[in-house]
Amino acid sequence: MKTKTFNPILAILIAVFLTNMYWVQAQKKQTKTNGEAISIHEKEQEKIVQDLLEAFNLGAENVLELFDEEAIIEYPYAYSLGTPSSLNKTQYANYLKGALANMPDITFSQVKSYTTENHIVWAEFHGEVIIPSTNKLYQQDYVARFTLKNGKIIHYKEYWNPMAVSAMGDHKEVNEMFNDKSKQ
């Protein structure tokens, strides 16, 4: 008797199907009002993505203003670098001090937002910056999930490639950038 094994191609197809299903749902929610393709409510939800990307170059306080006091910020791949993978707003404030200082004037492009049900916005974007301590170009493609509550971010989950972080230095340097206890 033959046993069934995990099929990675089938798993990828299922993931693509689910992604497309969410995209179709988001598209169905669009309304045509005065020739506009997106409702005002959805525009406000998508605006939070642009506001956050702009705030990264305006300082930690500007970023933090976009988050609810009870917000949780997650970086699922950060643990592989020895940096925090889940933060509350206070911890995120400390994290931002190291992150923003080491990524001054980061530019974002290829920004796409997708509004779904229950105040959830998905976003894709590309970021680039020269890291001052290494003088290397950091390039990253991000996928982020925003959950909103009363116009603020209550849950933020950001996916990125840990290998790209090598432009920031070795494992120890990266760990110090984002885990400096003197900032807490």
N, C-alpha and C. Protein backbone atom coordinates (compact mmCIF):
# COMPACT_ATOMS: atom_id res chain seq x y z
N MET A 1 0.84 -1.18 0.00
CA MET A 1 0.00 0.00 0.00
C MET A 1 0.89 1.25 0.00
N LYS A 2 0.57 2.17 -0.84
CA LYS A 2 1.34 3.41 -0.98
C LYS A 2 0.83 4.44 0.03
N THR A 3 1.75 5.10 0.75
CA THR A 3 1.35 6.15 1.69
C THR A 3 1.47 7.50 1.00
N LYS A 4 0.63 8.40 1.40
CA LYS A 4 0.66 9.76 0.82
C LYS A 4 1.68 10.60 1.56
N THR A 5 2.40 11.44 0.79
CA THR A 5 3.38 12.34 1.37
C THR A 5 3.00 13.78 1.07
N PHE A 6 3.65 14.68 1.75
CA PHE A 6 3.41 16.11 1.55
C PHE A 6 3.81 16.50 0.13
N ASN A 7 2.95 17.21 -0.54
CA ASN A 7 3.21 17.64 -1.91
C ASN A 7 3.40 19.16 -1.91
N PRO A 8 4.66 19.64 -2.05
CA PRO A 8 4.89 21.09 -1.99
C PRO A 8 4.22 21.86 -3.13
N ILE A 9 4.09 21.25 -4.28
CA ILE A 9 3.43 21.94 -5.40
C ILE A 9 1.97 22.15 -5.09
N LEU A 10 1.32 21.14 -4.51
CA LEU A 10 -0.08 21.29 -4.13
C LEU A 10 -0.23 22.37 -3.06
N ALA A 11 0.69 22.42 -2.11
CA ALA A 11 0.64 23.45 -1.06
C ALA A 11 0.76 24.85 -1.67
N ILE A 12 1.63 25.02 -2.66
CA ILE A 12 1.80 26.32 -3.31
C ILE A 12 0.53 26.69 -4.06
N LEU A 13 -0.05 25.72 -4.76
CA LEU A 13 -1.29 25.99 -5.49
C LEU A 13 -2.42 26.40 -4.56
N ILE A 14 -2.51 25.75 -3.41
CA ILE A 14 -3.53 26.11 -2.43
C ILE A 14 -3.29 27.53 -1.92
N ALA A 15 -2.03 27.87 -1.63
CA ALA A 15 -1.71 29.22 -1.15
C ALA A 15 -2.07 30.28 -2.20
N VAL A 16 -1.76 30.00 -3.47
CA VAL A 16 -2.10 30.93 -4.54
C VAL A 16 -3.62 31.07 -4.65
N PHE A 17 -4.33 29.95 -4.57
CA PHE A 17 -5.79 29.98 -4.63
C PHE A 17 -6.37 30.84 -3.51
N LEU A 18 -5.89 30.64 -2.27
CA LEU A 18 -6.42 31.41 -1.15
C LEU A 18 -6.10 32.89 -1.29
N THR A 19 -4.88 33.21 -1.77
CA THR A 19 -4.51 34.61 -1.98
C THR A 19 -5.44 35.24 -3.01
N ASN A 20 -5.67 34.54 -4.11
CA ASN A 20 -6.57 35.06 -5.15
C ASN A 20 -7.99 35.21 -4.62
N MET A 21 -8.43 34.27 -3.78
CA MET A 21 -9.77 34.35 -3.22
C MET A 21 -9.93 35.62 -2.39
N TYR A 22 -8.92 35.95 -1.55
CA TYR A 22 -8.99 37.16 -0.75
C TYR A 22 -8.96 38.40 -1.64
N TRP A 23 -8.16 38.35 -2.70
CA TRP A 23 -8.08 39.48 -3.62
C TRP A 23 -9.42 39.70 -4.30
N VAL A 24 -10.06 38.63 -4.74
CA VAL A 24 -11.38 38.73 -5.39
C VAL A 24 -12.39 39.32 -4.42
N GLN A 25 -12.35 38.86 -3.16
CA GLN A 25 -13.27 39.41 -2.16
C GLN A 25 -13.06 40.91 -1.99
N ALA A 26 -11.80 41.32 -1.96
CA ALA A 26 -11.50 42.75 -1.82
C ALA A 26 -12.01 43.52 -3.02
N GLN A 27 -11.85 42.96 -4.21
CA GLN A 27 -12.31 43.63 -5.41
C GLN A 27 -13.83 43.74 -5.44
N LYS A 28 -14.53 42.73 -4.95
CA LYS A 28 -16.00 42.75 -4.93
C LYS A 28 -16.53 43.85 -4.02
N LYS A 29 -15.73 44.22 -3.02
CA LYS A 29 -16.17 45.25 -2.07
C LYS A 29 -16.04 46.65 -2.64
N GLN A 30 -15.39 46.78 -3.78
CA GLN A 30 -15.26 48.11 -4.38
C GLN A 30 -16.63 48.61 -4.80
N THR A 31 -16.81 49.89 -4.64
CA THR A 31 -18.06 50.49 -5.06
C THR A 31 -17.79 51.60 -6.06
N LYS A 32 -18.71 51.81 -6.96
CA LYS A 32 -18.58 52.87 -7.95
C LYS A 32 -19.45 54.05 -7.50
N THR A 33 -18.80 55.07 -6.98
CA THR A 33 -19.51 56.26 -6.55
C THR A 33 -18.83 57.45 -7.21
N ASN A 34 -19.58 58.17 -8.03
CA ASN A 34 -19.04 59.33 -8.74
C ASN A 34 -17.77 58.98 -9.52
N GLY A 35 -17.76 57.80 -10.13
CA GLY A 35 -16.63 57.39 -10.95
C GLY A 35 -15.44 56.87 -10.17
N GLU A 36 -15.52 56.82 -8.84
CA GLU A 36 -14.40 56.31 -8.05
C GLU A 36 -14.55 54.81 -7.89
N ALA A 37 -13.42 54.10 -7.97
CA ALA A 37 -13.46 52.64 -7.90
C ALA A 37 -13.46 52.12 -6.47
N ILE A 38 -13.01 52.90 -5.51
CA ILE A 38 -12.88 52.42 -4.14
C ILE A 38 -13.71 53.31 -3.22
N SER A 39 -14.39 52.69 -2.29
CA SER A 39 -15.21 53.46 -1.35
C SER A 39 -14.33 54.32 -0.45
N ILE A 40 -14.92 55.33 0.13
CA ILE A 40 -14.18 56.23 1.01
C ILE A 40 -13.60 55.46 2.19
N HIS A 41 -14.37 54.52 2.76
CA HIS A 41 -13.90 53.74 3.90
C HIS A 41 -12.65 52.94 3.52
N GLU A 42 -12.64 52.32 2.37
CA GLU A 42 -11.50 51.55 1.93
C GLU A 42 -10.30 52.45 1.63
N LYS A 43 -10.55 53.64 1.10
CA LYS A 43 -9.45 54.59 0.87
C LYS A 43 -8.78 54.95 2.19
N GLU A 44 -9.58 55.16 3.22
CA GLU A 44 -9.03 55.48 4.54
C GLU A 44 -8.19 54.32 5.06
N GLN A 45 -8.68 53.10 4.86
CA GLN A 45 -7.92 51.94 5.32
C GLN A 45 -6.61 51.80 4.55
N GLU A 46 -6.64 52.02 3.26
CA GLU A 46 -5.42 51.92 2.47
C GLU A 46 -4.46 53.07 2.76
N LYS A 47 -4.98 54.21 3.16
CA LYS A 47 -4.15 55.37 3.47
C LYS A 47 -3.21 55.07 4.64
N ILE A 48 -3.62 54.20 5.55
CA ILE A 48 -2.78 53.88 6.70
C ILE A 48 -1.45 53.28 6.24
N VAL A 49 -1.46 52.55 5.14
CA VAL A 49 -0.22 51.97 4.60
C VAL A 49 0.72 53.10 4.20
N GLN A 50 0.23 54.03 3.40
CA GLN A 50 1.07 55.14 2.96
C GLN A 50 1.52 56.00 4.14
N ASP A 51 0.63 56.24 5.08
CA ASP A 51 0.99 57.03 6.26
C ASP A 51 2.13 56.37 7.04
N LEU A 52 2.06 55.04 7.19
CA LEU A 52 3.11 54.34 7.94
C LEU A 52 4.44 54.42 7.20
N LEU A 53 4.44 54.18 5.91
CA LEU A 53 5.69 54.23 5.15
C LEU A 53 6.31 55.62 5.20
N GLU A 54 5.49 56.65 5.14
CA GLU A 54 6.01 58.03 5.24
C GLU A 54 6.53 58.31 6.65
N ALA A 55 5.86 57.79 7.66
CA ALA A 55 6.23 58.05 9.05
C ALA A 55 7.61 57.48 9.39
N PHE A 56 8.01 56.40 8.74
CA PHE A 56 9.31 55.81 9.03
C PHE A 56 10.45 56.82 8.83
N ASN A 57 10.26 57.80 7.97
CA ASN A 57 11.28 58.83 7.76
C ASN A 57 11.04 60.09 8.58
N LEU A 58 10.00 60.08 9.38
CA LEU A 58 9.68 61.25 10.20
C LEU A 58 9.98 61.04 11.68
N GLY A 59 10.35 59.81 12.05
CA GLY A 59 10.72 59.53 13.43
C GLY A 59 9.75 58.61 14.13
N ALA A 60 10.24 58.03 15.22
CA ALA A 60 9.48 57.04 15.98
C ALA A 60 8.13 57.56 16.46
N GLU A 61 8.10 58.79 16.92
CA GLU A 61 6.83 59.33 17.44
C GLU A 61 5.75 59.36 16.36
N ASN A 62 6.14 59.72 15.15
CA ASN A 62 5.18 59.75 14.05
C ASN A 62 4.67 58.35 13.71
N VAL A 63 5.56 57.37 13.78
CA VAL A 63 5.15 55.98 13.55
C VAL A 63 4.18 55.55 14.64
N LEU A 64 4.55 55.80 15.88
CA LEU A 64 3.76 55.33 17.02
C LEU A 64 2.36 55.95 17.07
N GLU A 65 2.19 57.15 16.54
CA GLU A 65 0.88 57.80 16.51
C GLU A 65 -0.14 56.99 15.71
N LEU A 66 0.32 56.16 14.80
CA LEU A 66 -0.57 55.37 13.95
C LEU A 66 -1.05 54.09 14.64
N PHE A 67 -0.48 53.77 15.79
CA PHE A 67 -0.78 52.53 16.48
C PHE A 67 -1.66 52.74 17.71
N ASP A 68 -2.59 51.84 17.92
CA ASP A 68 -3.42 51.80 19.10
C ASP A 68 -2.53 51.49 20.32
N GLU A 69 -2.95 51.93 21.49
CA GLU A 69 -2.16 51.68 22.70
C GLU A 69 -1.98 50.19 22.99
N GLU A 70 -2.93 49.37 22.56
CA GLU A 70 -2.89 47.92 22.80
C GLU A 70 -2.28 47.15 21.62
N ALA A 71 -1.65 47.84 20.71
CA ALA A 71 -1.14 47.22 19.47
C ALA A 71 -0.09 46.14 19.74
N ILE A 72 -0.11 45.16 18.86
CA ILE A 72 0.90 44.11 18.82
C ILE A 72 1.56 44.19 17.45
N ILE A 73 2.89 44.17 17.44
CA ILE A 73 3.66 44.25 16.21
C ILE A 73 4.44 42.95 16.10
N GLU A 74 4.33 42.28 14.95
CA GLU A 74 4.99 40.99 14.78
C GLU A 74 5.88 40.99 13.54
N TYR A 75 7.05 40.38 13.72
CA TYR A 75 8.00 40.13 12.64
C TYR A 75 8.31 38.63 12.70
N PRO A 76 7.53 37.79 12.03
CA PRO A 76 7.68 36.34 12.17
C PRO A 76 9.08 35.79 11.90
N TYR A 77 9.87 36.45 11.06
CA TYR A 77 11.20 35.91 10.74
C TYR A 77 12.31 36.52 11.59
N ALA A 78 11.99 37.46 12.45
CA ALA A 78 13.01 38.15 13.23
C ALA A 78 13.77 37.23 14.19
N TYR A 79 13.09 36.22 14.71
CA TYR A 79 13.74 35.32 15.66
C TYR A 79 15.01 34.71 15.06
N SER A 80 15.03 34.50 13.73
CA SER A 80 16.20 33.89 13.08
C SER A 80 17.43 34.80 13.15
N LEU A 81 17.21 36.07 13.45
CA LEU A 81 18.31 37.04 13.58
C LEU A 81 18.61 37.35 15.04
N GLY A 82 17.87 36.74 15.94
CA GLY A 82 18.06 37.02 17.36
C GLY A 82 17.41 38.32 17.80
N THR A 83 16.48 38.81 17.01
CA THR A 83 15.77 40.05 17.37
C THR A 83 14.32 39.71 17.70
N PRO A 84 13.62 40.61 18.37
CA PRO A 84 12.25 40.32 18.80
C PRO A 84 11.31 40.03 17.63
N SER A 85 10.44 39.05 17.84
CA SER A 85 9.46 38.73 16.79
C SER A 85 8.06 39.18 17.16
N SER A 86 7.83 39.55 18.40
CA SER A 86 6.53 40.06 18.83
C SER A 86 6.75 41.16 19.86
N LEU A 87 6.14 42.32 19.61
CA LEU A 87 6.36 43.49 20.47
C LEU A 87 5.03 44.16 20.81
N ASN A 88 4.97 44.71 22.01
CA ASN A 88 3.84 45.60 22.31
C ASN A 88 4.28 47.01 21.90
N LYS A 89 3.43 47.99 22.09
CA LYS A 89 3.73 49.34 21.60
C LYS A 89 4.96 49.94 22.29
N THR A 90 5.12 49.71 23.58
CA THR A 90 6.28 50.24 24.30
C THR A 90 7.57 49.60 23.79
N GLN A 91 7.55 48.28 23.61
CA GLN A 91 8.72 47.59 23.09
C GLN A 91 9.02 48.05 21.67
N TYR A 92 7.96 48.28 20.90
CA TYR A 92 8.13 48.74 19.52
C TYR A 92 8.78 50.12 19.49
N ALA A 93 8.46 50.98 20.44
CA ALA A 93 9.09 52.30 20.51
C ALA A 93 10.60 52.15 20.66
N ASN A 94 11.04 51.23 21.52
CA ASN A 94 12.47 50.99 21.71
C ASN A 94 13.09 50.38 20.46
N TYR A 95 12.38 49.47 19.85
CA TYR A 95 12.84 48.82 18.63
C TYR A 95 13.04 49.85 17.52
N LEU A 96 12.10 50.77 17.39
CA LEU A 96 12.17 51.79 16.35
C LEU A 96 13.40 52.68 16.48
N LYS A 97 13.82 52.95 17.71
CA LYS A 97 14.99 53.80 17.91
C LYS A 97 16.20 53.24 17.19
N GLY A 98 16.42 51.95 17.32
CA GLY A 98 17.55 51.31 16.63
C GLY A 98 17.29 51.17 15.14
N ALA A 99 16.08 50.75 14.80
CA ALA A 99 15.76 50.50 13.39
C ALA A 99 15.85 51.78 12.57
N LEU A 100 15.20 52.83 13.02
CA LEU A 100 15.15 54.06 12.23
C LEU A 100 16.51 54.76 12.16
N ALA A 101 17.29 54.66 13.22
CA ALA A 101 18.63 55.26 13.21
C ALA A 101 19.54 54.56 12.20
N ASN A 102 19.30 53.28 11.97
CA ASN A 102 20.14 52.51 11.06
C ASN A 102 19.57 52.41 9.65
N MET A 103 18.41 53.02 9.43
CA MET A 103 17.79 53.02 8.11
C MET A 103 17.27 54.41 7.77
N PRO A 104 18.15 55.44 7.83
CA PRO A 104 17.69 56.80 7.57
C PRO A 104 17.30 56.99 6.09
N ASP A 105 16.26 57.71 5.88
CA ASP A 105 15.80 58.05 4.52
C ASP A 105 15.49 56.83 3.67
N ILE A 106 14.89 55.83 4.27
CA ILE A 106 14.49 54.64 3.50
C ILE A 106 13.42 55.05 2.49
N THR A 107 13.55 54.55 1.28
CA THR A 107 12.56 54.86 0.25
C THR A 107 11.74 53.61 -0.05
N PHE A 108 10.47 53.82 -0.26
CA PHE A 108 9.55 52.72 -0.55
C PHE A 108 8.98 52.91 -1.95
N SER A 109 8.81 51.81 -2.64
CA SER A 109 8.23 51.83 -3.98
C SER A 109 7.39 50.57 -4.16
N GLN A 110 6.75 50.49 -5.32
CA GLN A 110 5.94 49.32 -5.67
C GLN A 110 4.90 49.01 -4.59
N VAL A 111 4.31 50.05 -4.03
CA VAL A 111 3.35 49.89 -2.94
C VAL A 111 1.99 49.47 -3.50
N LYS A 112 1.49 48.38 -2.98
CA LYS A 112 0.16 47.89 -3.34
C LYS A 112 -0.58 47.57 -2.06
N SER A 113 -1.84 47.99 -2.00
CA SER A 113 -2.68 47.72 -0.83
C SER A 113 -3.91 46.94 -1.24
N TYR A 114 -4.34 46.05 -0.36
CA TYR A 114 -5.52 45.24 -0.61
C TYR A 114 -6.38 45.26 0.65
N THR A 115 -7.57 45.79 0.53
CA THR A 115 -8.48 45.86 1.66
C THR A 115 -9.37 44.62 1.65
N THR A 116 -9.49 43.98 2.81
CA THR A 116 -10.36 42.82 2.95
C THR A 116 -11.39 43.11 4.02
N GLU A 117 -12.07 42.08 4.47
CA GLU A 117 -13.10 42.25 5.50
C GLU A 117 -12.48 42.49 6.88
N ASN A 118 -13.32 42.91 7.80
CA ASN A 118 -12.95 43.05 9.22
C ASN A 118 -11.79 43.99 9.47
N HIS A 119 -11.72 45.09 8.73
CA HIS A 119 -10.71 46.13 8.97
C HIS A 119 -9.30 45.62 8.78
N ILE A 120 -9.11 44.74 7.82
CA ILE A 120 -7.79 44.19 7.53
C ILE A 120 -7.31 44.72 6.18
N VAL A 121 -6.06 45.16 6.16
CA VAL A 121 -5.42 45.63 4.94
C VAL A 121 -4.13 44.85 4.77
N TRP A 122 -3.93 44.31 3.58
CA TRP A 122 -2.68 43.67 3.22
C TRP A 122 -1.91 44.65 2.34
N ALA A 123 -0.60 44.66 2.46
CA ALA A 123 0.21 45.55 1.63
C ALA A 123 1.49 44.84 1.20
N GLU A 124 1.94 45.21 0.02
CA GLU A 124 3.23 44.77 -0.51
C GLU A 124 4.00 46.04 -0.82
N PHE A 125 5.29 46.05 -0.51
CA PHE A 125 6.11 47.20 -0.85
C PHE A 125 7.59 46.82 -0.87
N HIS A 126 8.36 47.62 -1.55
CA HIS A 126 9.80 47.42 -1.67
C HIS A 126 10.49 48.59 -0.95
N GLY A 127 11.52 48.29 -0.17
CA GLY A 127 12.26 49.34 0.53
C GLY A 127 13.74 49.28 0.19
N GLU A 128 14.37 50.46 0.14
CA GLU A 128 15.81 50.55 -0.12
C GLU A 128 16.41 51.67 0.71
N VAL A 129 17.62 51.41 1.22
CA VAL A 129 18.35 52.43 1.97
C VAL A 129 19.81 52.01 2.06
N ILE A 130 20.70 52.99 2.10
CA ILE A 130 22.12 52.71 2.37
C ILE A 130 22.27 52.68 3.89
N ILE A 131 22.80 51.59 4.42
CA ILE A 131 23.00 51.44 5.86
C ILE A 131 24.27 52.20 6.24
N PRO A 132 24.17 53.21 7.11
CA PRO A 132 25.33 54.05 7.44
C PRO A 132 26.53 53.27 7.99
N SER A 133 26.30 52.30 8.85
CA SER A 133 27.41 51.59 9.49
C SER A 133 28.17 50.68 8.54
N THR A 134 27.53 50.21 7.47
CA THR A 134 28.20 49.31 6.53
C THR A 134 28.39 49.92 5.14
N ASN A 135 27.70 51.01 4.88
CA ASN A 135 27.68 51.67 3.58
C ASN A 135 27.21 50.72 2.47
N LYS A 136 26.38 49.74 2.85
CA LYS A 136 25.82 48.78 1.88
C LYS A 136 24.36 49.12 1.63
N LEU A 137 23.92 48.76 0.42
CA LEU A 137 22.53 48.96 0.04
C LEU A 137 21.68 47.84 0.63
N TYR A 138 20.70 48.22 1.41
CA TYR A 138 19.72 47.28 1.96
C TYR A 138 18.49 47.35 1.07
N GLN A 139 18.10 46.22 0.52
CA GLN A 139 16.90 46.13 -0.31
C GLN A 139 16.03 45.04 0.26
N GLN A 140 14.74 45.33 0.38
CA GLN A 140 13.84 44.37 0.99
C GLN A 140 12.47 44.46 0.34
N ASP A 141 11.87 43.31 0.13
CA ASP A 141 10.48 43.25 -0.29
C ASP A 141 9.66 42.79 0.90
N TYR A 142 8.63 43.54 1.20
CA TYR A 142 7.82 43.29 2.39
C TYR A 142 6.39 42.90 2.00
N VAL A 143 5.79 42.12 2.87
CA VAL A 143 4.36 41.86 2.84
C VAL A 143 3.90 42.13 4.27
N ALA A 144 2.89 42.96 4.42
CA ALA A 144 2.43 43.33 5.76
C ALA A 144 0.91 43.20 5.86
N ARG A 145 0.48 42.82 7.04
CA ARG A 145 -0.95 42.69 7.34
C ARG A 145 -1.28 43.68 8.46
N PHE A 146 -2.20 44.59 8.17
CA PHE A 146 -2.63 45.60 9.13
C PHE A 146 -4.04 45.25 9.59
N THR A 147 -4.26 45.22 10.88
CA THR A 147 -5.62 45.11 11.41
C THR A 147 -5.89 46.44 12.11
N LEU A 148 -6.99 47.07 11.72
CA LEU A 148 -7.30 48.41 12.22
C LEU A 148 -8.43 48.39 13.24
N LYS A 149 -8.35 49.32 14.17
CA LYS A 149 -9.39 49.52 15.17
C LYS A 149 -9.52 51.03 15.39
N ASN A 150 -10.69 51.56 15.07
CA ASN A 150 -10.92 53.00 15.22
C ASN A 150 -9.87 53.85 14.50
N GLY A 151 -9.48 53.42 13.30
CA GLY A 151 -8.53 54.18 12.49
C GLY A 151 -7.07 54.02 12.89
N LYS A 152 -6.78 53.19 13.87
CA LYS A 152 -5.40 52.95 14.32
C LYS A 152 -5.03 51.50 14.07
N ILE A 153 -3.74 51.23 14.01
CA ILE A 153 -3.26 49.87 13.83
C ILE A 153 -3.29 49.16 15.18
N ILE A 154 -4.02 48.07 15.26
CA ILE A 154 -4.10 47.28 16.49
C ILE A 154 -3.21 46.04 16.39
N HIS A 155 -2.99 45.58 15.18
CA HIS A 155 -2.11 44.43 14.95
C HIS A 155 -1.39 44.63 13.63
N TYR A 156 -0.07 44.53 13.66
CA TYR A 156 0.75 44.70 12.47
C TYR A 156 1.68 43.50 12.38
N LYS A 157 1.63 42.82 11.25
CA LYS A 157 2.47 41.64 11.04
C LYS A 157 3.20 41.84 9.72
N GLU A 158 4.55 41.86 9.79
CA GLU A 158 5.36 42.18 8.63
C GLU A 158 6.28 41.00 8.29
N TYR A 159 6.22 40.58 7.02
CA TYR A 159 7.04 39.47 6.53
C TYR A 159 8.13 40.03 5.63
N TRP A 160 9.36 39.56 5.82
CA TRP A 160 10.49 40.01 5.02
C TRP A 160 11.56 38.91 4.98
N ASN A 161 12.52 39.09 4.09
CA ASN A 161 13.57 38.10 3.89
C ASN A 161 14.73 38.36 4.84
N PRO A 162 14.99 37.46 5.79
CA PRO A 162 16.10 37.66 6.73
C PRO A 162 17.47 37.74 6.06
N MET A 163 17.62 37.12 4.89
CA MET A 163 18.91 37.14 4.20
C MET A 163 19.29 38.56 3.75
N ALA A 164 18.31 39.37 3.42
CA ALA A 164 18.59 40.73 2.96
C ALA A 164 19.17 41.59 4.08
N VAL A 165 18.95 41.21 5.31
CA VAL A 165 19.41 41.99 6.46
C VAL A 165 20.94 41.94 6.58
N SER A 166 21.59 41.06 5.85
CA SER A 166 23.05 40.98 5.91
C SER A 166 23.71 42.30 5.51
N ALA A 167 23.00 43.16 4.79
CA ALA A 167 23.54 44.48 4.44
C ALA A 167 23.74 45.35 5.68
N MET A 168 23.08 44.98 6.78
CA MET A 168 23.19 45.76 8.01
C MET A 168 24.39 45.33 8.85
N GLY A 169 25.03 44.25 8.47
CA GLY A 169 26.18 43.76 9.23
C GLY A 169 26.02 42.30 9.58
N ASP A 170 26.90 41.83 10.45
CA ASP A 170 26.82 40.43 10.85
C ASP A 170 25.72 40.25 11.90
N HIS A 171 25.54 39.01 12.31
CA HIS A 171 24.47 38.66 13.24
C HIS A 171 24.55 39.49 14.53
N LYS A 172 25.74 39.67 15.06
CA LYS A 172 25.93 40.43 16.31
C LYS A 172 25.54 41.90 16.12
N GLU A 173 25.98 42.50 15.01
CA GLU A 173 25.66 43.91 14.75
C GLU A 173 24.16 44.13 14.59
N VAL A 174 23.51 43.22 13.88
CA VAL A 174 22.06 43.33 13.69
C VAL A 174 21.36 43.20 15.03
N ASN A 175 21.81 42.25 15.82
CA ASN A 175 21.21 42.04 17.14
C ASN A 175 21.35 43.30 17.99
N GLU A 176 22.50 43.94 17.95
CA GLU A 176 22.72 45.17 18.73
C GLU A 176 21.85 46.32 18.23
N MET A 177 21.64 46.41 16.92
CA MET A 177 20.82 47.49 16.36
C MET A 177 19.39 47.46 16.90
N PHE A 178 18.86 46.25 17.03
CA PHE A 178 17.45 46.11 17.37
C PHE A 178 17.19 45.65 18.80
N ASN A 179 18.25 45.35 19.55
CA ASN A 179 18.08 44.86 20.92
C ASN A 179 18.89 45.65 21.95
N ASP A 180 19.33 46.84 21.63
CA ASP A 180 20.15 47.62 22.54
C ASP A 180 19.38 47.92 23.81
N LYS A 181 19.81 47.33 24.91
CA LYS A 181 19.10 47.48 26.20
C LYS A 181 19.15 48.91 26.72
N SER A 182 20.16 49.70 26.32
CA SER A 182 20.24 51.08 26.79
C SER A 182 19.10 51.92 26.25
N LYS A 183 18.43 51.46 25.20
CA LYS A 183 17.32 52.21 24.61
C LYS A 183 16.01 51.96 25.32
N GLN A 184 15.99 50.99 26.21
CA GLN A 184 14.73 50.60 26.85
C GLN A 184 14.47 51.36 28.12
